[in-house]
Amino acid sequence: MRHDTIGPVRFAVYTDYPYRRTGGAVYAPRAFAVFLAELAQSLDGMVLAGRLEPEEGTSHYRLPGDLDFAPLPHYGSLTSPVRAMGAVARSLWRWWRVLDRVEGVWLLGPHGLALPFALMAALRRRHVVLGVRQDLPRYVRSRHPGRRWIGLAAAALEGAFRALARRYPVVVVGPELGRRYHHARRVLVTSVSLVRDVDVVSEASALARSYDGELRMLSVGRLEKEKNPLLLADILAHARAVDARWRLVVCGEGPMRADLEERLRELGVADHAEVLGYLPVHGGLRDAYRESHALVHVSFTEGLPQVLFEAFAAGLPVLATAVGGVPEAVTGDALLMPPEDVDAAVDGLERIARDSALRERLVRSGLRRARESTLQAESRRVARFLVENGRTAQARPGGG
């Protein structure tokens, strides 16, 4: 059901996700699709563009049936540019046709295709807004530590995107990226919260959580290098040496699942850990938050992870690495620690377990933050920013 729209501007949104389709249903692999679906409710119209997998199939997040999806040709990865060249050329042509249907574009990056897409939109006199969700060079260095040319390419792409932002407005996730893009024409600093108003628990129920028996530390996120999942096993082993009540619950999938399970076995704590894989929010994940005693987030690099807001909404104390936009955004709402510091992590967990006054402060502060940054509130802020800038577009669809 569509909310009251903010203004009469139709936008195309580009994200580099590998979408899948079965019959008439389109699926996205990442939770950001939930935010985009909510955003569409506040716009007069939205076209979502992204590469479509050649084989039929499903993924975690089904797009609403009334959301206009524009499939782009599939390619494996732009880190193999020669293989992707044909699909990129066809993507440019299809994007040109998408521009027939909109007055403005929101391009999520930095990404190689977002640059020509922006230039094509400008050529067609469509309004351009950029979007940045993470520090790309840091992310690439974490994922490809031995491939220097990919790091250099990411730095060049980041530089090009920042140069483009001098001309066009940009939406960034978290205050750290806000500072990096302070020279942009206009900047909106936001958070990507997927927490709906109804998902925020009452303060009374959150404060009633007991810390007298088994203690569950929860981790939610993809199991890949930049998320540093192997550290979770070390934290569990050291935490249990101090307090044998601790148990680890991991919700997430990714290429390092087997490595994490092996590390848990090596440290002799596999019997005190559950690696559950992907859980939908309303298919077990929300209950995992509410039944745990602390969220432990150990990434090397982040923008502003939405899992923090999911934990806040459940009244769950948070312990997170002080990386990316996290320190400035959640200071006072969470305990922070340096990356890879097992001792600091264990100390934080013990403080949460033993100090009821600290827990109460974290719970109250987190709930307040969750209520201020719901999915509805943040998507409306982004929609308003897009529309306010889109009103200056110089042509209607069909022009150019």
Protein backbone atom coordinates (compact mmCIF):
# COMPACT_ATOMS: atom_id res chain seq x y z
CA MET A 1 0.00 0.00 0.00
CA ARG A 2 1.55 3.31 -1.12
CA HIS A 3 2.10 6.07 1.44
CA ASP A 4 1.38 9.71 0.60
CA THR A 5 4.03 10.54 -1.98
CA ILE A 6 6.41 13.40 -1.29
CA GLY A 7 6.46 14.88 -4.76
CA PRO A 8 5.77 14.28 -8.46
CA VAL A 9 9.25 13.10 -9.49
CA ARG A 10 9.94 9.62 -10.87
CA PHE A 11 13.39 8.17 -10.14
CA ALA A 12 15.47 5.31 -11.48
CA VAL A 13 17.65 3.69 -8.81
CA TYR A 14 20.73 1.68 -9.77
CA THR A 15 22.44 -0.83 -7.46
CA ASP A 16 25.01 -3.40 -8.54
CA TYR A 17 23.17 -6.42 -7.18
CA PRO A 18 22.73 -9.75 -9.01
CA TYR A 19 18.94 -10.00 -8.99
CA ARG A 20 17.11 -13.24 -9.74
CA ARG A 21 13.70 -13.87 -11.26
CA THR A 22 11.24 -16.74 -11.21
CA GLY A 23 8.07 -16.25 -13.19
CA GLY A 24 6.96 -12.71 -12.50
CA ALA A 25 8.73 -12.39 -9.13
CA VAL A 26 12.10 -10.65 -8.75
CA TYR A 27 14.44 -11.31 -5.82
CA ALA A 28 17.40 -9.41 -4.37
CA PRO A 29 20.29 -10.92 -2.37
CA ARG A 30 20.82 -8.08 0.12
CA ALA A 31 18.59 -6.49 2.74
CA PHE A 32 19.08 -3.02 1.22
CA ALA A 33 16.32 -4.05 -1.20
CA VAL A 34 13.88 -3.74 1.72
CA PHE A 35 14.90 -0.11 2.13
CA LEU A 36 14.46 0.52 -1.61
CA ALA A 37 11.00 -1.05 -1.59
CA GLU A 38 9.99 1.24 1.27
CA LEU A 39 11.53 4.22 -0.51
CA ALA A 40 9.37 3.51 -3.55
CA GLN A 41 6.27 4.03 -1.40
CA SER A 42 7.21 7.68 -0.88
CA LEU A 43 8.01 8.47 -4.51
CA ASP A 44 5.60 9.16 -7.33
CA GLY A 45 7.29 6.35 -9.19
CA MET A 46 10.51 4.37 -9.08
CA VAL A 47 12.35 2.11 -11.53
CA LEU A 48 14.87 -0.25 -9.95
CA ALA A 49 17.70 -1.20 -12.32
CA GLY A 50 20.20 -3.99 -11.74
CA ARG A 51 21.89 -6.95 -13.42
CA LEU A 52 19.69 -10.03 -13.75
CA GLU A 53 21.09 -13.53 -13.29
CA PRO A 54 20.64 -15.58 -16.48
CA GLU A 55 19.20 -18.61 -14.67
CA GLU A 56 15.85 -18.51 -12.93
CA GLY A 57 15.92 -18.70 -9.17
CA THR A 58 15.08 -16.99 -5.91
CA SER A 59 17.02 -15.13 -3.27
CA HIS A 60 16.38 -13.75 0.20
CA TYR A 61 14.30 -10.64 -0.53
CA ARG A 62 11.35 -10.67 -2.90
CA LEU A 63 10.62 -7.29 -4.45
CA PRO A 64 7.03 -6.02 -4.29
CA GLY A 65 5.05 -6.98 -7.36
CA ASP A 66 4.23 -3.35 -8.18
CA LEU A 67 7.87 -2.22 -8.13
CA ASP A 68 9.07 -1.49 -11.67
CA PHE A 69 12.23 -3.55 -12.26
CA ALA A 70 14.50 -2.87 -15.25
CA PRO A 71 16.85 -5.84 -15.85
CA LEU A 72 20.38 -5.14 -17.03
CA PRO A 73 22.66 -7.76 -18.63
CA HIS A 74 24.49 -10.00 -16.21
CA TYR A 75 28.25 -10.10 -15.73
CA GLY A 76 30.31 -11.95 -13.14
CA SER A 77 32.53 -9.16 -11.80
CA LEU A 78 34.13 -5.96 -13.03
CA THR A 79 37.42 -7.23 -11.55
CA SER A 80 37.51 -9.25 -14.81
CA PRO A 81 36.82 -6.33 -17.18
CA VAL A 82 37.50 -8.15 -20.45
CA ARG A 83 34.88 -10.80 -19.71
CA ALA A 84 32.38 -8.16 -18.64
CA MET A 85 32.88 -5.86 -21.62
CA GLY A 86 29.99 -7.14 -23.73
CA ALA A 87 27.50 -7.04 -20.86
CA VAL A 88 28.65 -3.53 -19.92
CA ALA A 89 28.07 -2.26 -23.46
CA ARG A 90 24.55 -3.73 -23.49
CA SER A 91 23.91 -2.26 -20.02
CA LEU A 92 24.65 1.23 -21.33
CA TRP A 93 22.05 0.81 -24.07
CA ARG A 94 19.40 -0.48 -21.69
CA TRP A 95 20.11 2.31 -19.21
CA TRP A 96 19.56 4.82 -22.02
CA ARG A 97 16.07 3.33 -22.48
CA VAL A 98 15.39 3.44 -18.70
CA LEU A 99 16.04 7.18 -18.85
CA ASP A 100 12.97 7.51 -21.13
CA ARG A 101 10.77 6.73 -18.11
CA VAL A 102 12.18 8.96 -15.36
CA GLU A 103 13.05 12.52 -14.38
CA GLY A 104 15.89 11.71 -12.03
CA VAL A 105 18.34 8.96 -11.09
CA TRP A 106 19.87 7.78 -7.81
CA LEU A 107 23.12 5.91 -8.44
CA LEU A 108 24.57 3.77 -5.64
CA GLY A 109 28.32 3.38 -5.68
CA PRO A 110 31.13 4.04 -6.11
CA HIS A 111 30.81 1.59 -8.97
CA GLY A 112 32.25 1.44 -12.45
CA LEU A 113 28.89 1.54 -14.22
CA ALA A 114 27.54 4.35 -12.05
CA LEU A 115 29.95 6.81 -13.69
CA PRO A 116 28.77 6.39 -17.33
CA PHE A 117 25.19 6.08 -16.07
CA ALA A 118 25.55 9.50 -14.43
CA LEU A 119 27.01 11.03 -17.59
CA MET A 120 24.23 9.55 -19.72
CA ALA A 121 21.58 10.88 -17.33
CA ALA A 122 23.17 14.34 -17.46
CA LEU A 123 23.24 14.17 -21.26
CA ARG A 124 19.52 13.35 -21.22
CA ARG A 125 19.00 16.28 -18.81
CA ARG A 126 17.84 14.03 -15.99
CA HIS A 127 18.64 15.03 -12.45
CA VAL A 128 21.45 13.02 -10.83
CA VAL A 129 21.81 12.10 -7.15
CA LEU A 130 24.65 9.86 -6.00
CA GLY A 131 24.66 7.36 -3.14
CA VAL A 132 27.58 6.01 -1.10
CA ARG A 133 27.20 3.19 1.43
CA GLN A 134 30.81 2.31 2.30
CA ASP A 135 34.49 3.24 2.03
CA LEU A 136 35.24 1.40 -1.23
CA PRO A 137 39.08 1.44 -1.11
CA ARG A 138 39.12 0.06 2.44
CA TYR A 139 36.54 -2.57 1.52
CA VAL A 140 38.54 -3.69 -1.54
CA ARG A 141 41.83 -3.84 0.37
CA SER A 142 40.15 -6.10 2.90
CA ARG A 143 38.66 -8.43 0.26
CA HIS A 144 41.65 -8.51 -2.15
CA PRO A 145 44.76 -7.94 -0.01
CA GLY A 146 47.14 -9.44 -2.56
CA ARG A 147 45.78 -7.76 -5.72
CA ARG A 148 47.31 -4.29 -5.74
CA TRP A 149 45.83 -3.26 -9.07
CA ILE A 150 42.31 -3.78 -7.76
CA GLY A 151 43.10 -1.53 -4.78
CA LEU A 152 44.44 1.15 -7.13
CA ALA A 153 41.37 0.84 -9.35
CA ALA A 154 39.10 1.22 -6.30
CA ALA A 155 40.98 4.34 -5.19
CA ALA A 156 40.66 5.82 -8.69
CA LEU A 157 36.95 5.01 -8.79
CA GLU A 158 36.45 6.57 -5.36
CA GLY A 159 38.28 9.69 -6.56
CA ALA A 160 36.10 9.91 -9.66
CA PHE A 161 32.94 9.52 -7.58
CA ARG A 162 34.03 12.23 -5.17
CA ALA A 163 34.81 14.52 -8.10
CA LEU A 164 31.35 13.84 -9.51
CA ALA A 165 29.86 14.71 -6.12
CA ARG A 166 31.17 18.26 -6.48
CA ARG A 167 28.52 18.70 -9.14
CA TYR A 168 25.74 16.44 -7.89
CA PRO A 169 24.05 15.87 -4.51
CA VAL A 170 24.93 12.71 -2.61
CA VAL A 171 23.30 10.50 0.04
CA VAL A 172 25.86 8.87 2.33
CA VAL A 173 25.50 6.27 5.07
CA GLY A 174 27.07 7.38 8.34
CA PRO A 175 28.96 10.48 9.48
CA GLU A 176 32.42 9.29 8.38
CA LEU A 177 31.32 9.19 4.74
CA GLY A 178 29.58 12.51 5.32
CA ARG A 179 32.96 14.06 6.12
CA ARG A 180 34.59 12.42 3.10
CA TYR A 181 31.94 13.95 0.85
CA HIS A 182 31.62 17.31 2.58
CA HIS A 183 32.60 19.08 -0.65
CA ALA A 184 29.57 17.69 -2.52
CA ARG A 185 26.93 20.02 -3.86
CA ARG A 186 24.58 18.79 -1.13
CA VAL A 187 24.99 15.94 1.35
CA LEU A 188 22.40 13.92 3.23
CA VAL A 189 23.87 11.75 5.98
CA THR A 190 21.53 8.89 6.73
CA SER A 191 21.41 5.40 8.21
CA VAL A 192 19.99 2.37 6.46
CA SER A 193 17.65 1.08 9.15
CA LEU A 194 15.36 -1.81 8.28
CA VAL A 195 13.57 -1.65 11.61
CA ARG A 196 9.88 -0.92 11.32
CA ASP A 197 8.01 1.02 14.01
CA VAL A 198 6.26 -2.16 15.19
CA ASP A 199 9.59 -4.00 15.63
CA VAL A 200 10.83 -1.80 18.48
CA VAL A 201 10.24 -3.62 21.78
CA SER A 202 8.98 -1.91 24.91
CA GLU A 203 11.51 -0.64 27.40
CA ALA A 204 9.95 -2.78 30.13
CA SER A 205 10.34 -6.03 28.20
CA ALA A 206 13.93 -5.18 27.23
CA LEU A 207 14.95 -4.37 30.79
CA ALA A 208 13.34 -7.61 32.01
CA ARG A 209 15.95 -9.72 30.15
CA SER A 210 17.69 -11.93 32.70
CA TYR A 211 21.48 -12.31 32.89
CA ASP A 212 21.39 -14.98 35.60
CA GLY A 213 21.71 -18.10 33.42
CA GLU A 214 23.20 -18.92 30.03
CA LEU A 215 24.52 -15.85 28.16
CA ARG A 216 24.17 -15.68 24.38
CA MET A 217 26.43 -13.47 22.32
CA LEU A 218 24.92 -12.92 18.87
CA SER A 219 26.65 -12.09 15.60
CA VAL A 220 24.65 -11.14 12.51
CA GLY A 221 26.26 -10.57 9.13
CA ARG A 222 27.90 -12.10 6.10
CA LEU A 223 30.77 -14.50 6.75
CA GLU A 224 33.46 -12.94 4.58
CA LYS A 225 36.91 -11.42 5.11
CA GLU A 226 35.98 -7.82 5.85
CA LYS A 227 33.51 -8.99 8.51
CA ASN A 228 36.34 -10.82 10.35
CA PRO A 229 34.22 -13.82 11.45
CA LEU A 230 37.13 -15.97 12.72
CA LEU A 231 37.59 -13.51 15.59
CA LEU A 232 34.23 -14.65 16.96
CA ALA A 233 35.67 -18.07 17.80
CA ASP A 234 38.57 -16.50 19.68
CA ILE A 235 36.23 -14.19 21.58
CA LEU A 236 34.03 -17.13 22.58
CA ALA A 237 37.01 -19.19 23.79
CA HIS A 238 38.41 -16.34 25.88
CA ALA A 239 34.98 -15.30 27.20
CA ARG A 240 34.23 -18.83 28.37
CA ALA A 241 37.57 -18.94 30.17
CA VAL A 242 36.28 -16.03 32.25
CA ASP A 243 32.62 -17.02 32.44
CA ALA A 244 31.54 -20.47 31.21
CA ARG A 245 27.97 -19.31 30.69
CA TRP A 246 28.74 -17.67 27.34
CA ARG A 247 27.45 -19.23 24.11
CA LEU A 248 27.85 -17.93 20.54
CA VAL A 249 25.03 -17.71 17.98
CA VAL A 250 25.99 -16.71 14.42
CA CYS A 251 23.33 -15.70 11.89
CA GLY A 252 24.77 -15.24 8.42
CA GLU A 253 26.10 -16.99 5.36
CA GLY A 254 29.14 -16.57 3.19
CA PRO A 255 32.37 -18.14 1.95
CA MET A 256 34.00 -18.28 5.41
CA ARG A 257 31.36 -20.39 7.14
CA ALA A 258 33.46 -23.56 6.98
CA ASP A 259 36.54 -21.65 8.19
CA LEU A 260 34.62 -20.34 11.19
CA GLU A 261 33.30 -23.80 12.06
CA GLU A 262 36.83 -25.22 11.81
CA ARG A 263 38.20 -22.47 14.04
CA LEU A 264 35.54 -23.21 16.66
CA ARG A 265 36.57 -26.88 16.62
CA GLU A 266 40.28 -26.01 16.90
CA LEU A 267 39.61 -23.94 20.01
CA GLY A 268 37.41 -26.62 21.57
CA VAL A 269 34.28 -24.45 21.74
CA ALA A 270 32.23 -25.86 18.84
CA ASP A 271 29.76 -27.39 21.30
CA HIS A 272 29.07 -23.92 22.65
CA ALA A 273 28.34 -22.28 19.30
CA GLU A 274 25.57 -22.37 16.70
CA VAL A 275 26.21 -21.25 13.11
CA LEU A 276 22.67 -20.95 11.82
CA GLY A 277 23.20 -19.49 8.35
CA TYR A 278 20.85 -16.91 6.92
CA LEU A 279 17.69 -16.19 8.91
CA PRO A 280 14.89 -13.92 7.65
CA VAL A 281 13.93 -11.11 10.03
CA HIS A 282 10.52 -12.62 10.68
CA GLY A 283 11.71 -16.18 10.21
CA GLY A 284 13.87 -16.45 13.30
CA LEU A 285 16.25 -13.48 13.26
CA ARG A 286 14.05 -11.14 15.28
CA ASP A 287 13.66 -13.86 17.93
CA ALA A 288 17.44 -14.40 17.95
CA TYR A 289 17.95 -10.73 18.81
CA ARG A 290 15.34 -10.82 21.56
CA GLU A 291 16.65 -14.04 23.10
CA SER A 292 20.32 -12.98 23.19
CA HIS A 293 22.28 -10.97 25.77
CA ALA A 294 24.74 -9.01 23.60
CA LEU A 295 25.32 -8.32 19.92
CA VAL A 296 28.99 -8.65 18.95
CA HIS A 297 29.94 -6.93 15.68
CA VAL A 298 33.61 -7.40 14.71
CA SER A 299 34.04 -6.03 11.17
CA PHE A 300 37.30 -4.59 9.84
CA THR A 301 35.41 -2.02 7.77
CA GLU A 302 31.88 -0.62 7.81
CA GLY A 303 29.75 2.30 6.79
CA LEU A 304 26.98 2.17 9.37
CA PRO A 305 25.68 -1.41 9.66
CA GLN A 306 21.92 -1.80 9.93
CA VAL A 307 22.32 -4.80 12.27
CA LEU A 308 23.13 -2.32 15.03
CA PHE A 309 19.68 -0.80 14.66
CA GLU A 310 18.07 -4.23 14.66
CA ALA A 311 19.81 -4.95 17.98
CA PHE A 312 18.80 -1.56 19.39
CA ALA A 313 15.18 -2.26 18.46
CA ALA A 314 15.32 -5.54 20.39
CA GLY A 315 16.71 -3.78 23.46
CA LEU A 316 19.94 -5.76 23.05
CA PRO A 317 23.24 -4.27 24.33
CA VAL A 318 25.77 -3.84 21.51
CA LEU A 319 29.55 -4.34 21.42
CA ALA A 320 31.04 -3.22 18.09
CA THR A 321 34.39 -2.45 16.51
CA ALA A 322 35.15 1.26 16.22
CA VAL A 323 35.47 1.36 12.42
CA GLY A 324 33.95 3.45 9.64
CA GLY A 325 30.95 5.48 10.67
CA VAL A 326 30.24 3.41 13.78
CA PRO A 327 32.06 5.42 16.51
CA GLU A 328 30.53 8.79 15.73
CA ALA A 329 27.09 7.39 14.98
CA VAL A 330 26.55 5.18 18.05
CA THR A 331 28.78 6.63 20.77
CA GLY A 332 26.74 6.34 23.96
CA ASP A 333 24.43 3.75 22.41
CA ALA A 334 26.98 0.91 22.29
CA LEU A 335 30.30 -0.26 23.72
CA LEU A 336 33.15 0.12 21.21
CA MET A 337 36.39 -1.81 20.83
CA PRO A 338 39.42 -1.78 18.48
CA PRO A 339 39.37 -4.28 15.58
CA GLU A 340 40.91 -7.69 16.40
CA ASP A 341 41.20 -6.92 20.12
CA VAL A 342 40.01 -10.11 21.83
CA ASP A 343 40.76 -8.83 25.33
CA ALA A 344 38.71 -5.66 24.76
CA ALA A 345 35.83 -7.77 23.42
CA VAL A 346 35.86 -10.07 26.45
CA ASP A 347 36.08 -7.10 28.80
CA GLY A 348 33.06 -5.53 27.08
CA LEU A 349 31.05 -8.74 27.34
CA GLU A 350 31.88 -9.06 31.03
CA ARG A 351 30.83 -5.48 31.68
CA ILE A 352 27.51 -6.16 29.97
CA ALA A 353 27.02 -9.37 31.96
CA ARG A 354 27.94 -7.92 35.37
CA ASP A 355 26.93 -4.24 35.32
CA SER A 356 23.16 -3.84 35.43
CA ALA A 357 23.40 -0.03 35.43
CA LEU A 358 25.46 -0.13 32.23
CA ARG A 359 22.99 -2.53 30.61
CA GLU A 360 20.08 -0.28 31.50
CA ARG A 361 21.83 2.74 30.01
CA LEU A 362 22.67 0.90 26.79
CA VAL A 363 19.15 -0.52 26.45
CA ARG A 364 17.43 2.83 26.97
CA SER A 365 19.79 4.67 24.65
CA GLY A 366 19.56 2.01 21.95
CA LEU A 367 15.77 1.92 22.03
CA ARG A 368 15.65 5.69 21.72
CA ARG A 369 17.98 5.54 18.72
CA ALA A 370 15.93 2.77 17.09
CA ARG A 371 12.72 4.80 17.42
CA GLU A 372 14.40 7.83 15.81
CA SER A 373 15.81 5.83 12.88
CA THR A 374 13.10 3.46 11.71
CA LEU A 375 12.77 2.20 8.16
CA GLN A 376 9.83 4.51 7.57
CA ALA A 377 11.59 7.58 8.94
CA GLU A 378 14.89 7.06 7.09
CA SER A 379 13.30 6.16 3.76
CA ARG A 380 11.11 9.28 3.93
CA ARG A 381 14.20 11.41 4.60
CA VAL A 382 15.93 9.98 1.54
CA ALA A 383 12.80 10.35 -0.59
CA ARG A 384 12.45 13.99 0.45
CA PHE A 385 16.10 14.65 -0.44
CA LEU A 386 15.71 13.01 -3.85
CA VAL A 387 12.53 14.91 -4.65
CA GLU A 388 13.84 18.28 -3.47
CA ASN A 389 16.80 17.87 -5.82
CA GLY A 390 14.72 16.26 -8.54
CA ARG A 391 12.46 19.29 -8.78
CA THR A 392 15.32 21.09 -10.47
CA ALA A 393 15.45 18.51 -13.29
CA GLN A 394 15.38 20.26 -16.62
CA ALA A 395 13.34 17.81 -18.66
CA ARG A 396 10.35 15.52 -18.49
CA PRO A 397 10.47 11.87 -19.66
CA GLY A 398 10.79 11.65 -23.41
CA GLY A 399 13.02 14.70 -23.69
CA GLY A 400 16.76 14.66 -24.38
